[in-house]
Each structure stands twice: as structure tokens, then as C-alpha cells.
């Protein structure tokens, strides 16, 4: 019995050490990738957050690790959006990069909605696929004050991280192995991101 107890204690200690090592690497990596994805909109940040949340569910303390994923992702997204907005206000090449991802028609629509809804639109834009950059560009064009933009963007990034984190939590709870939940979460988030492109695709004309 003492041998069995010692073996169980050793296994538990190894599990704790392994999880501590994963967290020491995982959280900074998540922060860096979400921050990069906010600055360079080619990284699927939603999929990253969902995947991290899937892994968090399978930790020994899933509540704490899931909350940490939420906080880290929201903080990185907020800092990334803030940096990109400030760079855009300077009229630098970053503004051109933002404009390259937004069509004139989409920009006009975002400007009209910004006039009607104000910074509340920031919350909606973060949750709608491909909605963040058009609204950010509309704010830049309309010379929205920095403090006004930040005040609206803070709850937007918190909600965004919460939604994609929740998708990962559900995926992690549905599947027994983390990799299964990660695959499901990535597939779902990529599908969500592709919806705007699918809606804009013109219908194929039927043959005679």
C-alpha cells in the first residue's frame, strides 16, 4: 500500500509538472499569436483561442485554465487592436494595409453604421466574421478619438475571447481526447470565418 501511494503521488507530481511546463509555454505563445493576428490579419486568431480552450478543459483545473485562456486572449487582442489603430492614425503603411482588406462598399456601409450606432458597433464587429477591420477603418477615417475607440473596443475583445473560448470549452467537453476537440474547434471557427465569403460569392448562372 505505501508503495502504491508513493507511485500515485509521483504520478500526480509529474502531471502537475507537465501541466506547469505546458502553461509556461502555452500562454505566452497564445498571447504572442493573438497579438500578431490582430496586427497582421492573416492568422486565424479565433481558431487559436478555441484550440487553447480545448486543451484547457483537459487540465486538472479546467476552470482556472479556461479563465486564463480567456484573459490572455482578450488582453492580446485588445493590445493588438490598440497598436493597429494607433499606427493607422499616423497615416503610415499600416493604414494602407487595413484599407487593402476592405472594399469601398464595405467601408461606406461601416461608416453609415458607425454614424448610427457609435462605438457599440465595435462590439458587434468583433463578433461578426470579417467585421473588425471595416469598422476600425471607418473609425480611422472619421477620426474617432483614441479614448473613444478604446472604450468601445475593450468590451468587444473581452466578448470575442469569451465566445471563441466557449466554443473550445464545448468542443473539449464533447470529445475524450484533446486533439479531437482541437480539430472540431478549428473546423468550426474556419467555417465561421468563411461565411462572409460564401455569402458574397455570385450565383453560378444556369445553362440553357
C-alpha atoms as a PDB file:
ATOM      1  CA  UNK A   1       0.000   0.000   0.000  1.00  0.00           C
ATOM      2  CA  UNK A   2       2.744   2.552   0.838  1.00  0.00           C
ATOM      3  CA  UNK A   3       4.394   1.727  -2.492  1.00  0.00           C
ATOM      4  CA  UNK A   4       1.114   2.305  -4.327  1.00  0.00           C
ATOM      5  CA  UNK A   5       0.576   5.601  -2.538  1.00  0.00           C
ATOM      6  CA  UNK A   6       4.096   6.706  -3.355  1.00  0.00           C
ATOM      7  CA  UNK A   7       3.572   5.782  -7.003  1.00  0.00           C
ATOM      8  CA  UNK A   8       0.297   7.723  -7.140  1.00  0.00           C
ATOM      9  CA  UNK A   9       1.936  10.755  -5.534  1.00  0.00           C
ATOM     10  CA  UNK A  10       4.807  10.581  -8.009  1.00  0.00           C
ATOM     11  CA  UNK A  11       2.388  10.347 -10.938  1.00  0.00           C
ATOM     12  CA  UNK A  12       0.408  13.314  -9.641  1.00  0.00           C
ATOM     13  CA  UNK A  13       3.601  15.338  -9.236  1.00  0.00           C
ATOM     14  CA  UNK A  14       4.670  14.507 -12.791  1.00  0.00           C
ATOM     15  CA  UNK A  15       1.248  15.556 -14.068  1.00  0.00           C
ATOM     16  CA  UNK A  16       1.464  18.875 -12.233  1.00  0.00           C
ATOM     17  CA  UNK A  17       4.985  19.495 -13.511  1.00  0.00           C
ATOM     18  CA  UNK A  18       3.937  18.618 -17.069  1.00  0.00           C
ATOM     19  CA  UNK A  19       0.941  20.937 -16.936  1.00  0.00           C
ATOM     20  CA  UNK A  20       3.074  23.723 -15.453  1.00  0.00           C
ATOM     21  CA  UNK A  21       5.532  23.382 -18.313  1.00  0.00           C
ATOM     22  CA  UNK A  22       2.708  23.420 -20.864  1.00  0.00           C
ATOM     23  CA  UNK A  23       1.234  26.552 -19.313  1.00  0.00           C
ATOM     24  CA  UNK A  24       4.614  28.289 -19.182  1.00  0.00           C
ATOM     25  CA  UNK A  25       4.939  27.766 -22.920  1.00  0.00           C
ATOM     26  CA  UNK A  26       1.295  27.854 -23.958  1.00  0.00           C
ATOM     27  CA  UNK A  27       0.083  31.140 -22.506  1.00  0.00           C
ATOM     28  CA  UNK A  28       2.940  33.300 -23.833  1.00  0.00           C
ATOM     29  CA  UNK A  29       2.579  31.596 -27.222  1.00  0.00           C
ATOM     30  CA  UNK A  30      -1.175  32.240 -27.248  1.00  0.00           C
ATOM     31  CA  UNK A  31      -0.612  35.874 -26.308  1.00  0.00           C
ATOM     32  CA  UNK A  32       2.025  36.385 -29.000  1.00  0.00           C
ATOM     33  CA  UNK A  33      -0.002  34.708 -31.760  1.00  0.00           C
ATOM     34  CA  UNK A  34      -3.237  36.558 -30.976  1.00  0.00           C
ATOM     35  CA  UNK A  35      -1.311  39.826 -30.795  1.00  0.00           C
ATOM     36  CA  UNK A  36       0.303  39.065 -34.158  1.00  0.00           C
ATOM     37  CA  UNK A  37      -3.055  38.109 -35.640  1.00  0.00           C
ATOM     38  CA  UNK A  38      -4.550  41.411 -34.544  1.00  0.00           C
ATOM     39  CA  UNK A  39      -1.767  43.308 -36.284  1.00  0.00           C
ATOM     40  CA  UNK A  40      -1.498  41.100 -39.363  1.00  0.00           C
ATOM     41  CA  UNK A  41      -4.988  39.803 -40.208  1.00  0.00           C
ATOM     42  CA  UNK A  42      -3.921  36.514 -41.743  1.00  0.00           C
ATOM     43  CA  UNK A  43      -3.564  34.468 -38.553  1.00  0.00           C
ATOM     44  CA  UNK A  44      -6.857  32.716 -37.578  1.00  0.00           C
ATOM     45  CA  UNK A  45      -6.918  34.028 -34.022  1.00  0.00           C
ATOM     46  CA  UNK A  46     -10.371  32.652 -33.264  1.00  0.00           C
ATOM     47  CA  UNK A  47      -9.150  29.136 -34.015  1.00  0.00           C
ATOM     48  CA  UNK A  48      -6.133  29.691 -31.767  1.00  0.00           C
ATOM     49  CA  UNK A  49      -8.304  30.731 -28.824  1.00  0.00           C
ATOM     50  CA  UNK A  50     -10.717  27.828 -29.323  1.00  0.00           C
ATOM     51  CA  UNK A  51      -7.840  25.346 -29.554  1.00  0.00           C
ATOM     52  CA  UNK A  52      -6.261  26.683 -26.379  1.00  0.00           C
ATOM     53  CA  UNK A  53      -9.624  26.426 -24.608  1.00  0.00           C
ATOM     54  CA  UNK A  54      -9.974  22.793 -25.714  1.00  0.00           C
ATOM     55  CA  UNK A  55      -6.615  21.951 -24.146  1.00  0.00           C
ATOM     56  CA  UNK A  56      -7.550  23.897 -21.005  1.00  0.00           C
ATOM     57  CA  UNK A  57     -10.634  21.730 -20.467  1.00  0.00           C
ATOM     58  CA  UNK A  58      -8.422  18.638 -20.198  1.00  0.00           C
ATOM     59  CA  UNK A  59      -6.197  20.105 -17.489  1.00  0.00           C
ATOM     60  CA  UNK A  60      -6.532  19.113 -13.854  1.00  0.00           C
ATOM     61  CA  UNK A  61      -8.103  22.503 -13.040  1.00  0.00           C
ATOM     62  CA  UNK A  62     -10.154  23.313 -16.149  1.00  0.00           C
ATOM     63  CA  UNK A  63     -11.978  26.314 -14.689  1.00  0.00           C
ATOM     64  CA  UNK A  64      -8.818  28.244 -13.849  1.00  0.00           C
ATOM     65  CA  UNK A  65      -7.017  27.349 -17.068  1.00  0.00           C
ATOM     66  CA  UNK A  66     -10.066  28.245 -19.184  1.00  0.00           C
ATOM     67  CA  UNK A  67     -10.316  31.617 -17.458  1.00  0.00           C
ATOM     68  CA  UNK A  68      -6.607  32.195 -18.066  1.00  0.00           C
ATOM     69  CA  UNK A  69      -7.072  31.457 -21.766  1.00  0.00           C
ATOM     70  CA  UNK A  70      -9.900  33.999 -21.833  1.00  0.00           C
ATOM     71  CA  UNK A  71      -7.872  36.698 -20.062  1.00  0.00           C
ATOM     72  CA  UNK A  72      -4.723  36.130 -22.135  1.00  0.00           C
ATOM     73  CA  UNK A  73      -6.618  36.115 -25.442  1.00  0.00           C
ATOM     74  CA  UNK A  74      -8.674  39.204 -24.594  1.00  0.00           C
ATOM     75  CA  UNK A  75      -5.603  41.113 -23.416  1.00  0.00           C
ATOM     76  CA  UNK A  76      -3.608  40.249 -26.528  1.00  0.00           C
ATOM     77  CA  UNK A  77      -6.491  41.142 -28.846  1.00  0.00           C
ATOM     78  CA  UNK A  78      -7.038  44.463 -27.106  1.00  0.00           C
ATOM     79  CA  UNK A  79      -3.357  45.402 -27.238  1.00  0.00           C
ATOM     80  CA  UNK A  80      -3.121  44.319 -30.881  1.00  0.00           C
ATOM     81  CA  UNK A  81      -6.183  46.326 -31.894  1.00  0.00           C
ATOM     82  CA  UNK A  82      -4.897  49.325 -29.968  1.00  0.00           C
ATOM     83  CA  UNK A  83      -1.485  49.168 -31.646  1.00  0.00           C
ATOM     84  CA  UNK A  84      -3.013  48.786 -35.113  1.00  0.00           C
ATOM     85  CA  UNK A  85      -5.419  51.675 -34.522  1.00  0.00           C
ATOM     86  CA  UNK A  86      -2.623  53.955 -33.323  1.00  0.00           C
ATOM     87  CA  UNK A  87      -0.454  53.000 -36.292  1.00  0.00           C
ATOM     88  CA  UNK A  88      -3.371  53.689 -38.625  1.00  0.00           C
ATOM     89  CA  UNK A  89      -3.901  57.138 -37.137  1.00  0.00           C
ATOM     90  CA  UNK A  90      -0.359  58.040 -38.082  1.00  0.00           C
ATOM     91  CA  UNK A  91      -1.250  57.528 -41.732  1.00  0.00           C
ATOM     92  CA  UNK A  92       1.519  55.005 -42.093  1.00  0.00           C
ATOM     93  CA  UNK A  93       1.698  51.975 -44.350  1.00  0.00           C
ATOM     94  CA  UNK A  94      -0.427  50.188 -41.767  1.00  0.00           C
ATOM     95  CA  UNK A  95      -3.406  52.271 -42.858  1.00  0.00           C
ATOM     96  CA  UNK A  96      -2.817  51.118 -46.426  1.00  0.00           C
ATOM     97  CA  UNK A  97      -2.661  47.530 -45.209  1.00  0.00           C
ATOM     98  CA  UNK A  98      -6.000  47.890 -43.430  1.00  0.00           C
ATOM     99  CA  UNK A  99      -7.549  49.530 -46.495  1.00  0.00           C
ATOM    100  CA  UNK A 100      -6.332  46.669 -48.692  1.00  0.00           C
ATOM    101  CA  UNK A 101      -8.591  44.276 -46.764  1.00  0.00           C
ATOM    102  CA  UNK A 102     -11.712  46.466 -47.017  1.00  0.00           C
ATOM    103  CA  UNK A 103     -13.659  47.197 -50.202  1.00  0.00           C
ATOM    104  CA  UNK A 104     -15.019  50.741 -50.744  1.00  0.00           C
ATOM    105  CA  UNK A 105     -18.610  49.480 -50.499  1.00  0.00           C
ATOM    106  CA  UNK A 106     -17.898  47.713 -47.212  1.00  0.00           C
ATOM    107  CA  UNK A 107     -16.213  50.834 -45.854  1.00  0.00           C
ATOM    108  CA  UNK A 108     -19.186  53.042 -46.753  1.00  0.00           C
ATOM    109  CA  UNK A 109     -21.543  50.609 -45.078  1.00  0.00           C
ATOM    110  CA  UNK A 110     -19.375  50.565 -41.943  1.00  0.00           C
ATOM    111  CA  UNK A 111     -19.287  54.375 -41.886  1.00  0.00           C
ATOM    112  CA  UNK A 112     -23.079  54.594 -42.093  1.00  0.00           C
ATOM    113  CA  UNK A 113     -23.486  52.068 -39.296  1.00  0.00           C
ATOM    114  CA  UNK A 114     -20.858  53.858 -37.200  1.00  0.00           C
ATOM    115  CA  UNK A 115     -22.818  57.104 -37.501  1.00  0.00           C
ATOM    116  CA  UNK A 116     -25.995  55.388 -36.321  1.00  0.00           C
ATOM    117  CA  UNK A 117     -24.653  53.024 -33.664  1.00  0.00           C
ATOM    118  CA  UNK A 118     -21.467  54.717 -32.474  1.00  0.00           C
ATOM    119  CA  UNK A 119     -18.877  52.641 -30.656  1.00  0.00           C
ATOM    120  CA  UNK A 120     -21.480  49.964 -29.886  1.00  0.00           C
ATOM    121  CA  UNK A 121     -20.699  48.817 -33.420  1.00  0.00           C
ATOM    122  CA  UNK A 122     -17.223  47.810 -32.223  1.00  0.00           C
ATOM    123  CA  UNK A 123     -18.736  45.068 -30.097  1.00  0.00           C
ATOM    124  CA  UNK A 124     -20.749  43.703 -32.998  1.00  0.00           C
ATOM    125  CA  UNK A 125     -17.843  43.983 -35.434  1.00  0.00           C
ATOM    126  CA  UNK A 126     -15.570  41.838 -33.269  1.00  0.00           C
ATOM    127  CA  UNK A 127     -18.146  39.066 -33.117  1.00  0.00           C
ATOM    128  CA  UNK A 128     -19.065  39.117 -36.813  1.00  0.00           C
ATOM    129  CA  UNK A 129     -16.613  37.347 -39.176  1.00  0.00           C
ATOM    130  CA  UNK A 130     -14.536  39.848 -41.177  1.00  0.00           C
ATOM    131  CA  UNK A 131     -16.196  42.719 -39.321  1.00  0.00           C
ATOM    132  CA  UNK A 132     -13.294  44.080 -37.286  1.00  0.00           C
ATOM    133  CA  UNK A 133     -11.200  45.788 -39.984  1.00  0.00           C
ATOM    134  CA  UNK A 134     -14.021  47.640 -41.809  1.00  0.00           C
ATOM    135  CA  UNK A 135     -15.211  49.210 -38.558  1.00  0.00           C
ATOM    136  CA  UNK A 136     -11.672  50.028 -37.455  1.00  0.00           C
ATOM    137  CA  UNK A 137     -11.034  51.695 -40.818  1.00  0.00           C
ATOM    138  CA  UNK A 138     -14.314  53.607 -40.529  1.00  0.00           C
ATOM    139  CA  UNK A 139     -13.197  54.848 -37.100  1.00  0.00           C
ATOM    140  CA  UNK A 140      -9.854  55.925 -38.564  1.00  0.00           C
ATOM    141  CA  UNK A 141     -11.459  57.739 -41.485  1.00  0.00           C
ATOM    142  CA  UNK A 142     -13.938  59.521 -39.209  1.00  0.00           C
ATOM    143  CA  UNK A 143     -11.109  60.479 -36.819  1.00  0.00           C
ATOM    144  CA  UNK A 144     -12.660  58.762 -33.831  1.00  0.00           C
ATOM    145  CA  UNK A 145     -10.733  59.820 -30.697  1.00  0.00           C
ATOM    146  CA  UNK A 146      -8.405  57.189 -29.323  1.00  0.00           C
ATOM    147  CA  UNK A 147     -10.066  57.042 -25.907  1.00  0.00           C
ATOM    148  CA  UNK A 148     -13.493  56.583 -27.503  1.00  0.00           C
ATOM    149  CA  UNK A 149     -12.222  53.732 -29.670  1.00  0.00           C
ATOM    150  CA  UNK A 150     -10.505  52.034 -26.739  1.00  0.00           C
ATOM    151  CA  UNK A 151     -13.585  52.348 -24.542  1.00  0.00           C
ATOM    152  CA  UNK A 152     -15.656  50.555 -27.162  1.00  0.00           C
ATOM    153  CA  UNK A 153     -13.009  48.021 -28.123  1.00  0.00           C
ATOM    154  CA  UNK A 154     -12.307  46.762 -24.597  1.00  0.00           C
ATOM    155  CA  UNK A 155     -15.670  45.007 -24.072  1.00  0.00           C
ATOM    156  CA  UNK A 156     -15.544  43.914 -27.724  1.00  0.00           C
ATOM    157  CA  UNK A 157     -12.284  41.994 -27.262  1.00  0.00           C
ATOM    158  CA  UNK A 158     -13.483  40.533 -23.957  1.00  0.00           C
ATOM    159  CA  UNK A 159     -16.673  39.268 -25.613  1.00  0.00           C
ATOM    160  CA  UNK A 160     -14.732  37.965 -28.627  1.00  0.00           C
ATOM    161  CA  UNK A 161     -12.338  35.952 -26.468  1.00  0.00           C
ATOM    162  CA  UNK A 162     -15.266  34.655 -24.423  1.00  0.00           C
ATOM    163  CA  UNK A 163     -17.219  33.438 -27.464  1.00  0.00           C
ATOM    164  CA  UNK A 164     -14.316  31.608 -29.093  1.00  0.00           C
ATOM    165  CA  UNK A 165     -13.161  30.295 -25.743  1.00  0.00           C
ATOM    166  CA  UNK A 166     -16.646  28.920 -25.118  1.00  0.00           C
ATOM    167  CA  UNK A 167     -16.562  27.136 -28.477  1.00  0.00           C
ATOM    168  CA  UNK A 168     -13.346  25.471 -27.382  1.00  0.00           C
ATOM    169  CA  UNK A 169     -14.725  24.545 -23.965  1.00  0.00           C
ATOM    170  CA  UNK A 170     -17.741  22.875 -25.580  1.00  0.00           C
ATOM    171  CA  UNK A 171     -15.501  21.056 -28.047  1.00  0.00           C
ATOM    172  CA  UNK A 172     -13.201  19.898 -25.275  1.00  0.00           C
ATOM    173  CA  UNK A 173     -16.129  18.624 -23.223  1.00  0.00           C
ATOM    174  CA  UNK A 174     -17.663  16.703 -26.137  1.00  0.00           C
ATOM    175  CA  UNK A 175     -14.561  14.736 -27.106  1.00  0.00           C
ATOM    176  CA  UNK A 176     -12.471  12.442 -24.878  1.00  0.00           C
ATOM    177  CA  UNK A 177      -9.146  13.398 -26.461  1.00  0.00           C
ATOM    178  CA  UNK A 178      -7.850  16.989 -26.750  1.00  0.00           C
ATOM    179  CA  UNK A 179      -6.781  16.603 -30.391  1.00  0.00           C
ATOM    180  CA  UNK A 180     -10.343  15.686 -31.379  1.00  0.00           C
ATOM    181  CA  UNK A 181     -11.704  18.815 -29.757  1.00  0.00           C
ATOM    182  CA  UNK A 182      -8.968  20.930 -31.345  1.00  0.00           C
ATOM    183  CA  UNK A 183      -9.794  19.606 -34.831  1.00  0.00           C
ATOM    184  CA  UNK A 184     -13.507  20.257 -34.280  1.00  0.00           C
ATOM    185  CA  UNK A 185     -12.879  23.762 -32.903  1.00  0.00           C
ATOM    186  CA  UNK A 186     -10.575  24.720 -35.772  1.00  0.00           C
ATOM    187  CA  UNK A 187     -13.022  23.385 -38.362  1.00  0.00           C
ATOM    188  CA  UNK A 188     -15.909  25.318 -36.795  1.00  0.00           C
ATOM    189  CA  UNK A 189     -14.018  28.604 -36.460  1.00  0.00           C
ATOM    190  CA  UNK A 190     -12.701  28.389 -40.027  1.00  0.00           C
ATOM    191  CA  UNK A 191     -16.237  27.723 -41.244  1.00  0.00           C
ATOM    192  CA  UNK A 192     -17.487  30.774 -39.358  1.00  0.00           C
ATOM    193  CA  UNK A 193     -14.685  32.872 -40.857  1.00  0.00           C
ATOM    194  CA  UNK A 194     -15.561  31.668 -44.363  1.00  0.00           C
ATOM    195  CA  UNK A 195     -19.267  32.537 -44.130  1.00  0.00           C
ATOM    196  CA  UNK A 196     -18.903  36.140 -45.384  1.00  0.00           C
ATOM    197  CA  UNK A 197     -17.007  34.951 -48.473  1.00  0.00           C
ATOM    198  CA  UNK A 198     -19.644  32.317 -49.174  1.00  0.00           C
ATOM    199  CA  UNK A 199     -22.422  34.904 -48.935  1.00  0.00           C
ATOM    200  CA  UNK A 200     -20.625  37.261 -51.339  1.00  0.00           C
ATOM    201  CA  UNK A 201     -19.978  34.560 -53.948  1.00  0.00           C
ATOM    202  CA  UNK A 202     -22.182  35.200 -57.003  1.00  0.00           C
ATOM    203  CA  UNK A 203     -24.599  32.536 -58.046  1.00  0.00           C
ATOM    204  CA  UNK A 204     -23.490  30.335 -60.957  1.00  0.00           C
ATOM    205  CA  UNK A 205     -25.719  31.005 -63.984  1.00  0.00           C
ATOM    206  CA  UNK A 206     -27.742  28.043 -65.088  1.00  0.00           C
ATOM    207  CA  UNK A 207     -27.263  26.635 -68.551  1.00  0.00           C
ATOM    208  CA  UNK A 208     -29.837  26.960 -71.281  1.00  0.00           C
END
